[in-house]
Protein backbone atom coordinates (compact mmCIF):
# COMPACT_ATOMS: atom_id res chain seq x y z
CA UNK A 1 0.00 0.00 0.00
CA UNK A 2 1.61 3.24 -1.17
CA UNK A 3 1.54 6.40 0.91
CA UNK A 4 -1.56 8.45 0.02
CA UNK A 5 -2.02 11.77 1.81
CA UNK A 6 -5.52 12.17 0.37
CA UNK A 7 -6.81 9.43 2.68
CA UNK A 8 -5.66 11.14 5.88
CA UNK A 9 -8.29 12.46 8.31
CA UNK A 10 -8.94 16.15 8.89
CA UNK A 11 -7.17 17.17 12.11
CA UNK A 12 -7.32 20.93 11.54
CA UNK A 13 -9.91 21.38 14.29
CA UNK A 14 -7.92 19.59 16.99
CA UNK A 15 -6.05 21.43 19.72
CA UNK A 16 -2.37 20.50 19.99
CA UNK A 17 -0.69 20.94 23.37
CA UNK A 18 3.08 20.82 23.69
CA UNK A 19 4.53 19.92 27.07
CA UNK A 20 8.01 21.40 27.03
CA UNK A 21 6.89 24.00 24.52
CA UNK A 22 9.45 26.54 25.69
CA UNK A 23 12.38 24.29 24.70
CA UNK A 24 13.90 24.26 21.23
CA UNK A 25 12.06 21.21 19.86
CA UNK A 26 8.71 22.03 21.43
CA UNK A 27 8.89 25.65 20.45
CA UNK A 28 9.78 24.74 16.87
CA UNK A 29 6.86 22.33 16.57
CA UNK A 30 4.53 24.92 18.09
CA UNK A 31 5.65 27.45 15.49
CA UNK A 32 5.06 25.08 12.59
CA UNK A 33 1.60 24.03 13.76
CA UNK A 34 0.58 27.62 14.50
CA UNK A 35 1.85 28.60 11.07
CA UNK A 36 -0.39 25.89 9.59
CA UNK A 37 -3.43 27.30 11.41
CA UNK A 38 -3.64 24.67 14.14
CA UNK A 39 -4.78 25.74 17.62
CA UNK A 40 -1.68 25.38 19.80
CA UNK A 41 -1.20 25.44 23.55
CA UNK A 42 2.32 25.88 24.95
CA UNK A 43 2.89 24.03 28.22
CA UNK A 44 5.56 24.68 30.82
CA UNK A 45 6.07 24.33 34.56
CA UNK A 46 5.84 28.13 34.53
CA UNK A 47 2.64 29.46 32.98
CA UNK A 48 4.31 32.86 32.64
CA UNK A 49 7.16 31.41 30.56
CA UNK A 50 4.67 29.53 28.40
CA UNK A 51 2.59 32.64 27.81
CA UNK A 52 5.71 34.61 26.84
CA UNK A 53 6.77 31.88 24.39
CA UNK A 54 3.29 31.87 22.86
CA UNK A 55 3.42 35.64 22.31
CA UNK A 56 6.86 35.39 20.71
CA UNK A 57 5.78 32.57 18.38
CA UNK A 58 2.61 34.43 17.38
CA UNK A 59 4.77 37.35 16.25
CA UNK A 60 7.00 35.26 13.95
CA UNK A 61 6.85 35.49 10.16
CA UNK A 62 4.33 33.16 8.57
CA UNK A 63 2.02 32.84 11.57
CA UNK A 64 -1.49 34.07 10.67
CA UNK A 65 -2.63 37.23 12.46
CA UNK A 66 -5.58 35.33 13.91
CA UNK A 67 -3.50 32.34 15.04
CA UNK A 68 -4.85 30.57 18.11
CA UNK A 69 -1.74 30.11 20.22
CA UNK A 70 -1.53 30.55 23.97
CA UNK A 71 0.42 29.27 26.95
CA UNK A 72 -0.28 27.80 30.36
CA UNK A 73 0.98 25.39 32.98
CA UNK A 74 1.48 21.76 32.00
CA UNK A 75 -1.61 20.46 33.80
CA UNK A 76 -3.95 22.97 32.19
CA UNK A 77 -2.50 22.40 28.74
CA UNK A 78 -2.78 18.63 29.08
CA UNK A 79 -6.40 18.98 30.15
CA UNK A 80 -7.40 21.37 27.36
CA UNK A 81 -5.69 19.64 24.41
CA UNK A 82 -6.86 16.85 22.10
CA UNK A 83 -3.31 15.83 21.15
CA UNK A 84 -0.40 16.34 23.54
CA UNK A 85 3.23 16.26 22.43
CA UNK A 86 5.83 15.46 25.10
CA UNK A 87 9.00 17.42 24.26
CA UNK A 88 10.76 17.71 27.61
CA UNK A 89 14.41 16.95 28.42
CA UNK A 90 15.03 13.25 29.11
CA UNK A 91 16.16 13.94 32.68
CA UNK A 92 12.68 15.15 33.61
CA UNK A 93 10.68 12.87 31.35
CA UNK A 94 9.42 10.29 33.83
CA UNK A 95 8.44 12.74 36.56
CA UNK A 96 6.73 15.12 34.14
CA UNK A 97 4.71 12.40 32.42
CA UNK A 98 3.71 10.70 35.68
CA UNK A 99 2.42 13.97 37.10
CA UNK A 100 0.11 14.41 34.09
CA UNK A 101 -1.45 10.93 34.09
CA UNK A 102 -4.81 12.30 35.23
CA UNK A 103 -5.36 15.10 32.70
CA UNK A 104 -3.87 12.96 29.91
CA UNK A 105 -6.39 10.17 30.39
CA UNK A 106 -8.19 9.57 27.11
CA UNK A 107 -5.85 11.87 25.19
CA UNK A 108 -3.55 11.16 22.24
CA UNK A 109 0.01 11.49 23.52
CA UNK A 110 2.96 11.84 21.13
CA UNK A 111 6.37 11.33 22.72
CA UNK A 112 9.31 12.81 20.79
CA UNK A 113 11.92 12.55 23.56
CA UNK A 114 15.29 10.95 22.77
CA UNK A 115 17.22 9.53 25.75
CA UNK A 116 20.77 10.58 24.91
CA UNK A 117 23.95 11.12 26.86
CA UNK A 118 26.89 13.28 25.84
CA UNK A 119 30.60 12.95 26.53
CA UNK A 120 33.82 14.06 24.85
CA UNK A 121 33.22 11.53 22.06
CA UNK A 122 29.79 12.93 21.30
CA UNK A 123 26.18 11.79 21.78
CA UNK A 124 25.20 8.22 22.59
CA UNK A 125 21.98 6.36 23.36
CA UNK A 126 21.09 5.77 27.00
CA UNK A 127 19.62 2.54 28.34
CA UNK A 128 16.00 2.92 29.44
CA UNK A 129 14.55 0.34 31.82
CA UNK A 130 11.24 0.23 29.95
CA UNK A 131 13.03 -0.04 26.59
CA UNK A 132 12.53 3.51 25.29
CA UNK A 133 11.20 6.90 26.30
CA UNK A 134 7.83 6.22 24.68
CA UNK A 135 7.53 2.86 26.42
CA UNK A 136 8.18 4.63 29.70
CA UNK A 137 5.42 7.10 28.82
CA UNK A 138 3.03 4.28 27.90
CA UNK A 139 3.69 2.56 31.22
CA UNK A 140 2.97 5.77 33.11
CA UNK A 141 -0.12 6.64 31.04
CA UNK A 142 -2.26 3.48 30.90
CA UNK A 143 -5.36 5.54 30.12
CA UNK A 144 -3.83 7.41 27.17
CA UNK A 145 -3.28 6.58 23.50
CA UNK A 146 0.50 6.77 23.19
CA UNK A 147 2.87 6.84 20.23
CA UNK A 148 6.37 7.96 19.32
CA UNK A 149 6.78 10.51 16.52
CA UNK A 150 8.73 13.66 15.55
CA UNK A 151 11.95 12.25 17.08
CA UNK A 152 14.14 13.23 14.12
CA UNK A 153 12.90 16.70 13.23
CA UNK A 154 15.62 19.36 13.31
CA UNK A 155 14.81 22.11 15.81
CA UNK A 156 16.75 24.77 13.82
CA UNK A 157 14.75 23.95 10.68
CA UNK A 158 11.48 24.09 12.58
CA UNK A 159 12.36 27.50 14.00
CA UNK A 160 13.62 29.07 10.76
CA UNK A 161 10.89 31.31 9.25
CA UNK A 162 12.64 31.27 5.86
CA UNK A 163 12.15 27.49 5.56
CA UNK A 164 8.80 26.78 3.91
CA UNK A 165 9.12 23.00 3.52
CA UNK A 166 10.73 20.38 5.72
CA UNK A 167 11.18 17.32 3.53
CA UNK A 168 11.39 14.32 5.82
CA UNK A 169 9.41 11.37 7.12
CA UNK A 170 8.11 11.22 10.67
CA UNK A 171 8.44 7.64 11.92
CA UNK A 172 5.47 6.58 14.05
CA UNK A 173 5.60 3.73 16.57
CA UNK A 174 2.45 2.71 18.40
CA UNK A 175 0.25 -0.19 19.49
CA UNK A 176 -2.81 1.76 18.31
CA UNK A 177 -3.00 1.46 14.52
CA UNK A 178 -5.74 4.09 14.31
CA UNK A 179 -3.29 6.63 15.67
CA UNK A 180 -1.03 6.28 12.66
CA UNK A 181 -3.45 8.13 10.38
CA UNK A 182 -4.19 10.86 12.93
CA UNK A 183 -0.53 11.53 13.72
CA UNK A 184 0.34 11.23 10.05
CA UNK A 185 -2.27 13.87 9.27
CA UNK A 186 -0.79 16.14 11.93
CA UNK A 187 2.69 15.69 10.45
CA UNK A 188 1.29 16.53 7.01
CA UNK A 189 0.17 19.91 8.32
CA UNK A 190 3.86 20.83 7.96
CA UNK A 191 4.62 21.05 4.22
CA UNK A 192 7.01 18.34 3.06
CA UNK A 193 6.43 15.96 5.96
CA UNK A 194 4.93 12.49 5.82
CA UNK A 195 3.94 10.25 8.71
CA UNK A 196 5.12 6.64 8.24
CA UNK A 197 4.22 3.68 10.43
CA UNK A 198 7.45 2.16 11.77
CA UNK A 199 6.23 -0.62 14.07
CA UNK A 200 5.07 -1.20 17.61
CA UNK A 201 6.36 0.61 20.66
CA UNK A 202 9.02 -2.04 21.18
CA UNK A 203 10.66 -0.81 17.97
CA UNK A 204 10.93 2.79 19.17
CA UNK A 205 14.23 2.42 21.00
CA UNK A 206 16.31 2.28 17.82
CA UNK A 207 14.45 5.28 16.40
CA UNK A 208 15.21 7.32 19.53
CA UNK A 209 18.82 6.10 19.53
CA UNK A 210 19.33 6.95 15.85
CA UNK A 211 19.11 10.60 16.79
CA UNK A 212 22.72 10.28 18.01
CA UNK A 213 23.72 9.24 14.48
CA UNK A 214 21.86 12.20 12.98
CA UNK A 215 23.65 14.58 15.33
CA UNK A 216 26.97 13.12 14.14
CA UNK A 217 25.90 13.52 10.50
CA UNK A 218 24.83 17.11 11.09
CA UNK A 219 28.09 17.96 12.81
CA UNK A 220 30.24 16.36 10.10
CA UNK A 221 28.39 17.82 7.13
CA UNK A 222 27.10 21.03 8.71
CA UNK A 223 23.55 19.98 7.85
CA UNK A 224 20.12 19.51 9.40
CA UNK A 225 19.62 15.91 8.30
CA UNK A 226 16.39 14.00 8.61
CA UNK A 227 15.04 10.70 7.32
CA UNK A 228 13.19 9.93 4.10
CA UNK A 229 11.91 6.40 3.47
CA UNK A 230 12.32 5.31 -0.16
CA UNK A 231 9.91 3.33 -2.38
CA UNK A 232 6.87 4.50 -0.46
C-alpha atoms as a PDB file:
ATOM      1  CA  UNK A   1       0.000   0.000   0.000  1.00  0.00           C
ATOM      2  CA  UNK A   2       1.610   3.240  -1.171  1.00  0.00           C
ATOM      3  CA  UNK A   3       1.537   6.398   0.914  1.00  0.00           C
ATOM      4  CA  UNK A   4      -1.558   8.449   0.015  1.00  0.00           C
ATOM      5  CA  UNK A   5      -2.021  11.774   1.805  1.00  0.00           C
ATOM      6  CA  UNK A   6      -5.520  12.166   0.367  1.00  0.00           C
ATOM      7  CA  UNK A   7      -6.811   9.433   2.683  1.00  0.00           C
ATOM      8  CA  UNK A   8      -5.664  11.143   5.884  1.00  0.00           C
ATOM      9  CA  UNK A   9      -8.292  12.459   8.309  1.00  0.00           C
ATOM     10  CA  UNK A  10      -8.941  16.150   8.888  1.00  0.00           C
ATOM     11  CA  UNK A  11      -7.173  17.166  12.105  1.00  0.00           C
ATOM     12  CA  UNK A  12      -7.316  20.925  11.545  1.00  0.00           C
ATOM     13  CA  UNK A  13      -9.911  21.376  14.293  1.00  0.00           C
ATOM     14  CA  UNK A  14      -7.917  19.590  16.995  1.00  0.00           C
ATOM     15  CA  UNK A  15      -6.046  21.430  19.724  1.00  0.00           C
ATOM     16  CA  UNK A  16      -2.366  20.499  19.993  1.00  0.00           C
ATOM     17  CA  UNK A  17      -0.694  20.940  23.367  1.00  0.00           C
ATOM     18  CA  UNK A  18       3.084  20.824  23.685  1.00  0.00           C
ATOM     19  CA  UNK A  19       4.533  19.925  27.069  1.00  0.00           C
ATOM     20  CA  UNK A  20       8.010  21.405  27.026  1.00  0.00           C
ATOM     21  CA  UNK A  21       6.890  23.998  24.520  1.00  0.00           C
ATOM     22  CA  UNK A  22       9.449  26.538  25.695  1.00  0.00           C
ATOM     23  CA  UNK A  23      12.381  24.295  24.703  1.00  0.00           C
ATOM     24  CA  UNK A  24      13.903  24.261  21.226  1.00  0.00           C
ATOM     25  CA  UNK A  25      12.057  21.214  19.860  1.00  0.00           C
ATOM     26  CA  UNK A  26       8.710  22.026  21.434  1.00  0.00           C
ATOM     27  CA  UNK A  27       8.889  25.655  20.451  1.00  0.00           C
ATOM     28  CA  UNK A  28       9.783  24.745  16.868  1.00  0.00           C
ATOM     29  CA  UNK A  29       6.858  22.327  16.570  1.00  0.00           C
ATOM     30  CA  UNK A  30       4.529  24.923  18.089  1.00  0.00           C
ATOM     31  CA  UNK A  31       5.647  27.453  15.491  1.00  0.00           C
ATOM     32  CA  UNK A  32       5.056  25.079  12.587  1.00  0.00           C
ATOM     33  CA  UNK A  33       1.599  24.035  13.757  1.00  0.00           C
ATOM     34  CA  UNK A  34       0.576  27.619  14.504  1.00  0.00           C
ATOM     35  CA  UNK A  35       1.853  28.598  11.071  1.00  0.00           C
ATOM     36  CA  UNK A  36      -0.392  25.886   9.591  1.00  0.00           C
ATOM     37  CA  UNK A  37      -3.428  27.301  11.414  1.00  0.00           C
ATOM     38  CA  UNK A  38      -3.636  24.672  14.144  1.00  0.00           C
ATOM     39  CA  UNK A  39      -4.777  25.735  17.618  1.00  0.00           C
ATOM     40  CA  UNK A  40      -1.683  25.379  19.795  1.00  0.00           C
ATOM     41  CA  UNK A  41      -1.204  25.437  23.554  1.00  0.00           C
ATOM     42  CA  UNK A  42       2.318  25.885  24.955  1.00  0.00           C
ATOM     43  CA  UNK A  43       2.890  24.031  28.220  1.00  0.00           C
ATOM     44  CA  UNK A  44       5.559  24.683  30.822  1.00  0.00           C
ATOM     45  CA  UNK A  45       6.066  24.328  34.559  1.00  0.00           C
ATOM     46  CA  UNK A  46       5.843  28.126  34.528  1.00  0.00           C
ATOM     47  CA  UNK A  47       2.641  29.461  32.984  1.00  0.00           C
ATOM     48  CA  UNK A  48       4.310  32.859  32.637  1.00  0.00           C
ATOM     49  CA  UNK A  49       7.163  31.415  30.557  1.00  0.00           C
ATOM     50  CA  UNK A  50       4.667  29.531  28.405  1.00  0.00           C
ATOM     51  CA  UNK A  51       2.590  32.639  27.810  1.00  0.00           C
ATOM     52  CA  UNK A  52       5.706  34.609  26.839  1.00  0.00           C
ATOM     53  CA  UNK A  53       6.766  31.879  24.391  1.00  0.00           C
ATOM     54  CA  UNK A  54       3.286  31.872  22.856  1.00  0.00           C
ATOM     55  CA  UNK A  55       3.421  35.645  22.307  1.00  0.00           C
ATOM     56  CA  UNK A  56       6.861  35.386  20.706  1.00  0.00           C
ATOM     57  CA  UNK A  57       5.781  32.571  18.379  1.00  0.00           C
ATOM     58  CA  UNK A  58       2.609  34.426  17.378  1.00  0.00           C
ATOM     59  CA  UNK A  59       4.774  37.349  16.251  1.00  0.00           C
ATOM     60  CA  UNK A  60       6.996  35.257  13.951  1.00  0.00           C
ATOM     61  CA  UNK A  61       6.853  35.489  10.158  1.00  0.00           C
ATOM     62  CA  UNK A  62       4.330  33.159   8.575  1.00  0.00           C
ATOM     63  CA  UNK A  63       2.024  32.840  11.570  1.00  0.00           C
ATOM     64  CA  UNK A  64      -1.491  34.070  10.675  1.00  0.00           C
ATOM     65  CA  UNK A  65      -2.632  37.229  12.457  1.00  0.00           C
ATOM     66  CA  UNK A  66      -5.578  35.327  13.914  1.00  0.00           C
ATOM     67  CA  UNK A  67      -3.499  32.343  15.041  1.00  0.00           C
ATOM     68  CA  UNK A  68      -4.850  30.571  18.107  1.00  0.00           C
ATOM     69  CA  UNK A  69      -1.739  30.108  20.220  1.00  0.00           C
ATOM     70  CA  UNK A  70      -1.532  30.546  23.972  1.00  0.00           C
ATOM     71  CA  UNK A  71       0.417  29.272  26.953  1.00  0.00           C
ATOM     72  CA  UNK A  72      -0.275  27.797  30.362  1.00  0.00           C
ATOM     73  CA  UNK A  73       0.984  25.392  32.976  1.00  0.00           C
ATOM     74  CA  UNK A  74       1.485  21.756  32.002  1.00  0.00           C
ATOM     75  CA  UNK A  75      -1.609  20.465  33.803  1.00  0.00           C
ATOM     76  CA  UNK A  76      -3.945  22.967  32.189  1.00  0.00           C
ATOM     77  CA  UNK A  77      -2.497  22.405  28.736  1.00  0.00           C
ATOM     78  CA  UNK A  78      -2.784  18.626  29.085  1.00  0.00           C
ATOM     79  CA  UNK A  79      -6.405  18.982  30.152  1.00  0.00           C
ATOM     80  CA  UNK A  80      -7.404  21.372  27.358  1.00  0.00           C
ATOM     81  CA  UNK A  81      -5.688  19.636  24.411  1.00  0.00           C
ATOM     82  CA  UNK A  82      -6.855  16.854  22.100  1.00  0.00           C
ATOM     83  CA  UNK A  83      -3.308  15.833  21.153  1.00  0.00           C
ATOM     84  CA  UNK A  84      -0.400  16.344  23.539  1.00  0.00           C
ATOM     85  CA  UNK A  85       3.235  16.261  22.435  1.00  0.00           C
ATOM     86  CA  UNK A  86       5.828  15.460  25.100  1.00  0.00           C
ATOM     87  CA  UNK A  87       8.996  17.416  24.255  1.00  0.00           C
ATOM     88  CA  UNK A  88      10.761  17.712  27.608  1.00  0.00           C
ATOM     89  CA  UNK A  89      14.408  16.946  28.421  1.00  0.00           C
ATOM     90  CA  UNK A  90      15.031  13.255  29.109  1.00  0.00           C
ATOM     91  CA  UNK A  91      16.161  13.939  32.676  1.00  0.00           C
ATOM     92  CA  UNK A  92      12.685  15.154  33.612  1.00  0.00           C
ATOM     93  CA  UNK A  93      10.677  12.872  31.347  1.00  0.00           C
ATOM     94  CA  UNK A  94       9.417  10.291  33.834  1.00  0.00           C
ATOM     95  CA  UNK A  95       8.445  12.739  36.564  1.00  0.00           C
ATOM     96  CA  UNK A  96       6.732  15.125  34.141  1.00  0.00           C
ATOM     97  CA  UNK A  97       4.714  12.405  32.418  1.00  0.00           C
ATOM     98  CA  UNK A  98       3.712  10.702  35.678  1.00  0.00           C
ATOM     99  CA  UNK A  99       2.418  13.973  37.101  1.00  0.00           C
ATOM    100  CA  UNK A 100       0.111  14.409  34.088  1.00  0.00           C
ATOM    101  CA  UNK A 101      -1.449  10.928  34.089  1.00  0.00           C
ATOM    102  CA  UNK A 102      -4.810  12.296  35.229  1.00  0.00           C
ATOM    103  CA  UNK A 103      -5.361  15.098  32.701  1.00  0.00           C
ATOM    104  CA  UNK A 104      -3.872  12.965  29.910  1.00  0.00           C
ATOM    105  CA  UNK A 105      -6.386  10.165  30.392  1.00  0.00           C
ATOM    106  CA  UNK A 106      -8.195   9.565  27.107  1.00  0.00           C
ATOM    107  CA  UNK A 107      -5.849  11.869  25.189  1.00  0.00           C
ATOM    108  CA  UNK A 108      -3.553  11.160  22.245  1.00  0.00           C
ATOM    109  CA  UNK A 109       0.014  11.495  23.518  1.00  0.00           C
ATOM    110  CA  UNK A 110       2.960  11.840  21.130  1.00  0.00           C
ATOM    111  CA  UNK A 111       6.370  11.334  22.722  1.00  0.00           C
ATOM    112  CA  UNK A 112       9.312  12.812  20.794  1.00  0.00           C
ATOM    113  CA  UNK A 113      11.917  12.549  23.557  1.00  0.00           C
ATOM    114  CA  UNK A 114      15.288  10.950  22.771  1.00  0.00           C
ATOM    115  CA  UNK A 115      17.222   9.525  25.753  1.00  0.00           C
ATOM    116  CA  UNK A 116      20.771  10.583  24.911  1.00  0.00           C
ATOM    117  CA  UNK A 117      23.947  11.122  26.857  1.00  0.00           C
ATOM    118  CA  UNK A 118      26.890  13.280  25.836  1.00  0.00           C
ATOM    119  CA  UNK A 119      30.597  12.950  26.529  1.00  0.00           C
ATOM    120  CA  UNK A 120      33.824  14.058  24.848  1.00  0.00           C
ATOM    121  CA  UNK A 121      33.219  11.526  22.061  1.00  0.00           C
ATOM    122  CA  UNK A 122      29.785  12.934  21.300  1.00  0.00           C
ATOM    123  CA  UNK A 123      26.184  11.790  21.779  1.00  0.00           C
ATOM    124  CA  UNK A 124      25.202   8.221  22.593  1.00  0.00           C
ATOM    125  CA  UNK A 125      21.981   6.359  23.363  1.00  0.00           C
ATOM    126  CA  UNK A 126      21.093   5.766  27.002  1.00  0.00           C
ATOM    127  CA  UNK A 127      19.624   2.541  28.343  1.00  0.00           C
ATOM    128  CA  UNK A 128      16.004   2.920  29.444  1.00  0.00           C
ATOM    129  CA  UNK A 129      14.553   0.341  31.816  1.00  0.00           C
ATOM    130  CA  UNK A 130      11.237   0.231  29.947  1.00  0.00           C
ATOM    131  CA  UNK A 131      13.025  -0.039  26.588  1.00  0.00           C
ATOM    132  CA  UNK A 132      12.527   3.509  25.285  1.00  0.00           C
ATOM    133  CA  UNK A 133      11.196   6.901  26.301  1.00  0.00           C
ATOM    134  CA  UNK A 134       7.829   6.223  24.677  1.00  0.00           C
ATOM    135  CA  UNK A 135       7.529   2.856  26.420  1.00  0.00           C
ATOM    136  CA  UNK A 136       8.177   4.631  29.699  1.00  0.00           C
ATOM    137  CA  UNK A 137       5.415   7.098  28.819  1.00  0.00           C
ATOM    138  CA  UNK A 138       3.028   4.281  27.899  1.00  0.00           C
ATOM    139  CA  UNK A 139       3.693   2.557  31.223  1.00  0.00           C
ATOM    140  CA  UNK A 140       2.975   5.773  33.109  1.00  0.00           C
ATOM    141  CA  UNK A 141      -0.120   6.636  31.038  1.00  0.00           C
ATOM    142  CA  UNK A 142      -2.264   3.476  30.900  1.00  0.00           C
ATOM    143  CA  UNK A 143      -5.355   5.542  30.122  1.00  0.00           C
ATOM    144  CA  UNK A 144      -3.834   7.410  27.166  1.00  0.00           C
ATOM    145  CA  UNK A 145      -3.280   6.583  23.496  1.00  0.00           C
ATOM    146  CA  UNK A 146       0.502   6.774  23.190  1.00  0.00           C
ATOM    147  CA  UNK A 147       2.869   6.836  20.232  1.00  0.00           C
ATOM    148  CA  UNK A 148       6.374   7.962  19.316  1.00  0.00           C
ATOM    149  CA  UNK A 149       6.784  10.511  16.523  1.00  0.00           C
ATOM    150  CA  UNK A 150       8.734  13.664  15.546  1.00  0.00           C
ATOM    151  CA  UNK A 151      11.949  12.250  17.078  1.00  0.00           C
ATOM    152  CA  UNK A 152      14.136  13.225  14.120  1.00  0.00           C
ATOM    153  CA  UNK A 153      12.902  16.704  13.228  1.00  0.00           C
ATOM    154  CA  UNK A 154      15.620  19.364  13.310  1.00  0.00           C
ATOM    155  CA  UNK A 155      14.808  22.115  15.807  1.00  0.00           C
ATOM    156  CA  UNK A 156      16.748  24.771  13.819  1.00  0.00           C
ATOM    157  CA  UNK A 157      14.753  23.949  10.675  1.00  0.00           C
ATOM    158  CA  UNK A 158      11.480  24.095  12.585  1.00  0.00           C
ATOM    159  CA  UNK A 159      12.363  27.498  14.001  1.00  0.00           C
ATOM    160  CA  UNK A 160      13.619  29.071  10.756  1.00  0.00           C
ATOM    161  CA  UNK A 161      10.889  31.311   9.255  1.00  0.00           C
ATOM    162  CA  UNK A 162      12.645  31.267   5.865  1.00  0.00           C
ATOM    163  CA  UNK A 163      12.147  27.490   5.558  1.00  0.00           C
ATOM    164  CA  UNK A 164       8.797  26.777   3.914  1.00  0.00           C
ATOM    165  CA  UNK A 165       9.120  23.001   3.517  1.00  0.00           C
ATOM    166  CA  UNK A 166      10.731  20.378   5.723  1.00  0.00           C
ATOM    167  CA  UNK A 167      11.178  17.323   3.531  1.00  0.00           C
ATOM    168  CA  UNK A 168      11.386  14.316   5.823  1.00  0.00           C
ATOM    169  CA  UNK A 169       9.413  11.367   7.117  1.00  0.00           C
ATOM    170  CA  UNK A 170       8.111  11.218  10.665  1.00  0.00           C
ATOM    171  CA  UNK A 171       8.440   7.641  11.916  1.00  0.00           C
ATOM    172  CA  UNK A 172       5.471   6.584  14.051  1.00  0.00           C
ATOM    173  CA  UNK A 173       5.604   3.726  16.566  1.00  0.00           C
ATOM    174  CA  UNK A 174       2.454   2.710  18.405  1.00  0.00           C
ATOM    175  CA  UNK A 175       0.253  -0.189  19.487  1.00  0.00           C
ATOM    176  CA  UNK A 176      -2.806   1.758  18.307  1.00  0.00           C
ATOM    177  CA  UNK A 177      -2.996   1.462  14.524  1.00  0.00           C
ATOM    178  CA  UNK A 178      -5.743   4.092  14.311  1.00  0.00           C
ATOM    179  CA  UNK A 179      -3.286   6.628  15.672  1.00  0.00           C
ATOM    180  CA  UNK A 180      -1.029   6.277  12.656  1.00  0.00           C
ATOM    181  CA  UNK A 181      -3.449   8.128  10.384  1.00  0.00           C
ATOM    182  CA  UNK A 182      -4.194  10.856  12.933  1.00  0.00           C
ATOM    183  CA  UNK A 183      -0.535  11.528  13.722  1.00  0.00           C
ATOM    184  CA  UNK A 184       0.340  11.228  10.046  1.00  0.00           C
ATOM    185  CA  UNK A 185      -2.274  13.871   9.274  1.00  0.00           C
ATOM    186  CA  UNK A 186      -0.792  16.136  11.932  1.00  0.00           C
ATOM    187  CA  UNK A 187       2.692  15.685  10.445  1.00  0.00           C
ATOM    188  CA  UNK A 188       1.291  16.532   7.006  1.00  0.00           C
ATOM    189  CA  UNK A 189       0.174  19.913   8.319  1.00  0.00           C
ATOM    190  CA  UNK A 190       3.856  20.830   7.959  1.00  0.00           C
ATOM    191  CA  UNK A 191       4.623  21.052   4.221  1.00  0.00           C
ATOM    192  CA  UNK A 192       7.005  18.341   3.058  1.00  0.00           C
ATOM    193  CA  UNK A 193       6.430  15.964   5.965  1.00  0.00           C
ATOM    194  CA  UNK A 194       4.928  12.486   5.817  1.00  0.00           C
ATOM    195  CA  UNK A 195       3.940  10.247   8.707  1.00  0.00           C
ATOM    196  CA  UNK A 196       5.120   6.645   8.239  1.00  0.00           C
ATOM    197  CA  UNK A 197       4.219   3.677  10.431  1.00  0.00           C
ATOM    198  CA  UNK A 198       7.455   2.158  11.774  1.00  0.00           C
ATOM    199  CA  UNK A 199       6.231  -0.617  14.073  1.00  0.00           C
ATOM    200  CA  UNK A 200       5.074  -1.202  17.607  1.00  0.00           C
ATOM    201  CA  UNK A 201       6.363   0.607  20.660  1.00  0.00           C
ATOM    202  CA  UNK A 202       9.021  -2.042  21.181  1.00  0.00           C
ATOM    203  CA  UNK A 203      10.659  -0.810  17.967  1.00  0.00           C
ATOM    204  CA  UNK A 204      10.933   2.785  19.167  1.00  0.00           C
ATOM    205  CA  UNK A 205      14.228   2.417  20.996  1.00  0.00           C
ATOM    206  CA  UNK A 206      16.311   2.280  17.819  1.00  0.00           C
ATOM    207  CA  UNK A 207      14.449   5.281  16.404  1.00  0.00           C
ATOM    208  CA  UNK A 208      15.207   7.323  19.526  1.00  0.00           C
ATOM    209  CA  UNK A 209      18.822   6.098  19.531  1.00  0.00           C
ATOM    210  CA  UNK A 210      19.326   6.950  15.846  1.00  0.00           C
ATOM    211  CA  UNK A 211      19.115  10.605  16.786  1.00  0.00           C
ATOM    212  CA  UNK A 212      22.719  10.275  18.011  1.00  0.00           C
ATOM    213  CA  UNK A 213      23.717   9.243  14.478  1.00  0.00           C
ATOM    214  CA  UNK A 214      21.860  12.203  12.977  1.00  0.00           C
ATOM    215  CA  UNK A 215      23.651  14.584  15.328  1.00  0.00           C
ATOM    216  CA  UNK A 216      26.969  13.123  14.139  1.00  0.00           C
ATOM    217  CA  UNK A 217      25.902  13.521  10.501  1.00  0.00           C
ATOM    218  CA  UNK A 218      24.834  17.109  11.088  1.00  0.00           C
ATOM    219  CA  UNK A 219      28.095  17.959  12.809  1.00  0.00           C
ATOM    220  CA  UNK A 220      30.242  16.358  10.100  1.00  0.00           C
ATOM    221  CA  UNK A 221      28.393  17.817   7.126  1.00  0.00           C
ATOM    222  CA  UNK A 222      27.098  21.027   8.712  1.00  0.00           C
ATOM    223  CA  UNK A 223      23.552  19.981   7.846  1.00  0.00           C
ATOM    224  CA  UNK A 224      20.118  19.510   9.399  1.00  0.00           C
ATOM    225  CA  UNK A 225      19.620  15.914   8.303  1.00  0.00           C
ATOM    226  CA  UNK A 226      16.387  13.997   8.612  1.00  0.00           C
ATOM    227  CA  UNK A 227      15.041  10.695   7.321  1.00  0.00           C
ATOM    228  CA  UNK A 228      13.187   9.933   4.105  1.00  0.00           C
ATOM    229  CA  UNK A 229      11.905   6.404   3.470  1.00  0.00           C
ATOM    230  CA  UNK A 230      12.319   5.305  -0.160  1.00  0.00           C
ATOM    231  CA  UNK A 231       9.914   3.333  -2.385  1.00  0.00           C
ATOM    232  CA  UNK A 232       6.866   4.502  -0.459  1.00  0.00           C
END
